[in-house]
Amino acid sequence: MENVVRFVPKSELERERLIREARAIYDSIFPPVTVAGRQVDDRPERRTPARPVADTDS
């Protein structure tokens, strides 16, 4: 059986590392949401309240 060795330039490895890091940062700021409206980790997504919390006209 033949073994194939693929050499990858350092610049390509660095590019892939930066992309993974950027995706991790993006996902930490904007967690992925499924079609059903729930986050991937099954926590309900945060929603803006219907009325402002500091509403004093009650």
N, C-alpha and C. Protein backbone atom coordinates (compact mmCIF):
# COMPACT_ATOMS: atom_id res chain seq x y z
N MET A 1 0.84 -1.17 0.00
CA MET A 1 0.00 0.00 0.00
C MET A 1 0.89 1.24 0.00
N GLU A 2 0.51 2.22 -0.77
CA GLU A 2 1.32 3.43 -0.88
C GLU A 2 0.91 4.46 0.16
N ASN A 3 1.88 5.12 0.73
CA ASN A 3 1.63 6.22 1.65
C ASN A 3 1.92 7.52 0.92
N VAL A 4 1.03 8.47 1.08
CA VAL A 4 1.20 9.77 0.44
C VAL A 4 1.43 10.80 1.53
N VAL A 5 2.49 11.54 1.38
CA VAL A 5 2.81 12.60 2.34
C VAL A 5 2.58 13.93 1.64
N ARG A 6 1.78 14.76 2.25
CA ARG A 6 1.48 16.08 1.68
C ARG A 6 2.16 17.14 2.53
N PHE A 7 3.00 17.92 1.91
CA PHE A 7 3.67 19.01 2.62
C PHE A 7 2.82 20.26 2.52
N VAL A 8 2.59 20.88 3.67
CA VAL A 8 1.76 22.08 3.72
C VAL A 8 2.64 23.26 4.12
N PRO A 9 2.62 24.34 3.34
CA PRO A 9 3.43 25.50 3.69
C PRO A 9 3.00 26.10 5.03
N LYS A 10 3.94 26.72 5.72
CA LYS A 10 3.64 27.34 7.00
C LYS A 10 2.57 28.41 6.87
N SER A 11 2.59 29.12 5.75
CA SER A 11 1.59 30.18 5.56
C SER A 11 0.17 29.61 5.52
N GLU A 12 0.01 28.43 4.93
CA GLU A 12 -1.31 27.79 4.88
C GLU A 12 -1.73 27.33 6.26
N LEU A 13 -0.81 26.79 7.04
CA LEU A 13 -1.12 26.38 8.42
C LEU A 13 -1.53 27.59 9.26
N GLU A 14 -0.82 28.70 9.10
CA GLU A 14 -1.13 29.92 9.85
C GLU A 14 -2.50 30.46 9.43
N ARG A 15 -2.79 30.43 8.15
CA ARG A 15 -4.09 30.88 7.64
C ARG A 15 -5.22 30.06 8.26
N GLU A 16 -5.09 28.75 8.27
CA GLU A 16 -6.11 27.88 8.86
C GLU A 16 -6.26 28.13 10.36
N ARG A 17 -5.15 28.36 11.06
CA ARG A 17 -5.21 28.64 12.50
C ARG A 17 -5.96 29.94 12.75
N LEU A 18 -5.68 30.97 11.95
CA LEU A 18 -6.35 32.26 12.13
C LEU A 18 -7.85 32.15 11.84
N ILE A 19 -8.21 31.35 10.85
CA ILE A 19 -9.63 31.16 10.54
C ILE A 19 -10.33 30.46 11.70
N ARG A 20 -9.72 29.42 12.26
CA ARG A 20 -10.32 28.71 13.42
C ARG A 20 -10.48 29.66 14.60
N GLU A 21 -9.46 30.49 14.84
CA GLU A 21 -9.52 31.43 15.96
C GLU A 21 -10.62 32.46 15.74
N ALA A 22 -10.74 32.99 14.52
CA ALA A 22 -11.77 33.97 14.22
C ALA A 22 -13.17 33.37 14.38
N ARG A 23 -13.35 32.12 13.93
CA ARG A 23 -14.65 31.45 14.08
C ARG A 23 -14.99 31.26 15.55
N ALA A 24 -14.02 30.90 16.36
CA ALA A 24 -14.27 30.71 17.79
C ALA A 24 -14.69 32.02 18.44
N ILE A 25 -14.03 33.11 18.08
CA ILE A 25 -14.39 34.43 18.62
C ILE A 25 -15.80 34.81 18.18
N TYR A 26 -16.11 34.63 16.89
CA TYR A 26 -17.43 34.95 16.36
C TYR A 26 -18.50 34.14 17.07
N ASP A 27 -18.27 32.83 17.24
CA ASP A 27 -19.25 31.99 17.91
C ASP A 27 -19.43 32.34 19.37
N SER A 28 -18.39 32.88 20.01
CA SER A 28 -18.55 33.29 21.41
C SER A 28 -19.39 34.56 21.53
N ILE A 29 -19.37 35.39 20.48
CA ILE A 29 -20.16 36.62 20.49
C ILE A 29 -21.57 36.36 19.97
N PHE A 30 -21.68 35.60 18.89
CA PHE A 30 -22.96 35.27 18.27
C PHE A 30 -23.13 33.76 18.25
N PRO A 31 -23.65 33.17 19.34
CA PRO A 31 -23.80 31.72 19.39
C PRO A 31 -24.70 31.24 18.25
N PRO A 32 -24.34 30.11 17.64
CA PRO A 32 -25.17 29.60 16.55
C PRO A 32 -26.56 29.22 17.05
N VAL A 33 -27.60 29.53 16.26
CA VAL A 33 -28.98 29.24 16.62
C VAL A 33 -29.53 28.26 15.60
N THR A 34 -30.25 27.25 16.09
CA THR A 34 -30.84 26.26 15.19
C THR A 34 -32.13 26.81 14.59
N VAL A 35 -32.72 26.09 13.66
CA VAL A 35 -33.95 26.51 12.99
C VAL A 35 -35.10 26.63 13.98
N ALA A 36 -35.11 25.80 15.01
CA ALA A 36 -36.20 25.81 15.99
C ALA A 36 -36.11 26.99 16.94
N GLY A 37 -35.11 27.85 16.79
CA GLY A 37 -35.00 29.02 17.64
C GLY A 37 -34.30 28.76 18.95
N ARG A 38 -33.59 27.66 19.04
CA ARG A 38 -32.85 27.35 20.26
C ARG A 38 -31.38 27.29 19.91
N GLN A 39 -30.56 27.65 20.88
CA GLN A 39 -29.13 27.60 20.66
C GLN A 39 -28.68 26.16 20.57
N VAL A 40 -27.49 25.96 20.04
CA VAL A 40 -26.95 24.62 19.85
C VAL A 40 -26.83 23.87 21.18
N ASP A 41 -26.54 24.57 22.26
CA ASP A 41 -26.35 23.92 23.55
C ASP A 41 -27.66 23.78 24.34
N ASP A 42 -28.81 23.96 23.68
CA ASP A 42 -30.15 23.78 24.25
C ASP A 42 -30.55 24.83 25.28
N ARG A 43 -29.81 25.91 25.39
CA ARG A 43 -30.27 27.00 26.23
C ARG A 43 -31.20 27.87 25.39
N PRO A 44 -32.31 28.37 25.96
CA PRO A 44 -33.18 29.24 25.16
C PRO A 44 -32.42 30.51 24.77
N GLU A 45 -32.70 31.01 23.59
CA GLU A 45 -32.00 32.22 23.16
C GLU A 45 -32.52 33.41 23.96
N ARG A 46 -31.68 34.40 24.14
CA ARG A 46 -32.07 35.60 24.87
C ARG A 46 -32.97 36.43 23.98
N ARG A 47 -34.01 36.94 24.56
CA ARG A 47 -34.93 37.79 23.81
C ARG A 47 -35.06 39.14 24.51
N THR A 48 -35.31 40.16 23.73
CA THR A 48 -35.51 41.49 24.29
C THR A 48 -36.89 41.54 24.93
N PRO A 49 -37.01 42.08 26.15
CA PRO A 49 -38.33 42.15 26.79
C PRO A 49 -39.29 43.00 25.97
N ALA A 50 -40.58 42.70 26.05
CA ALA A 50 -41.59 43.45 25.31
C ALA A 50 -41.64 44.91 25.76
N ARG A 51 -41.46 45.13 27.06
CA ARG A 51 -41.42 46.50 27.59
C ARG A 51 -40.05 46.77 28.16
N PRO A 52 -39.61 48.01 28.15
CA PRO A 52 -38.31 48.32 28.78
C PRO A 52 -38.36 47.98 30.26
N VAL A 53 -37.26 47.51 30.79
CA VAL A 53 -37.19 47.12 32.19
C VAL A 53 -37.38 48.32 33.11
N ALA A 54 -36.89 49.49 32.71
CA ALA A 54 -36.96 50.69 33.55
C ALA A 54 -38.22 51.51 33.28
N ASP A 55 -39.27 50.90 32.74
CA ASP A 55 -40.50 51.62 32.45
C ASP A 55 -41.17 52.05 33.75
N THR A 56 -41.40 53.35 33.93
CA THR A 56 -41.98 53.87 35.18
C THR A 56 -43.39 54.35 34.99
N ASP A 57 -44.02 54.12 33.83
CA ASP A 57 -45.38 54.59 33.56
C ASP A 57 -46.44 53.56 33.95
N SER A 58 -46.13 52.65 34.86
CA SER A 58 -47.09 51.58 35.20
C SER A 58 -48.21 52.08 36.05
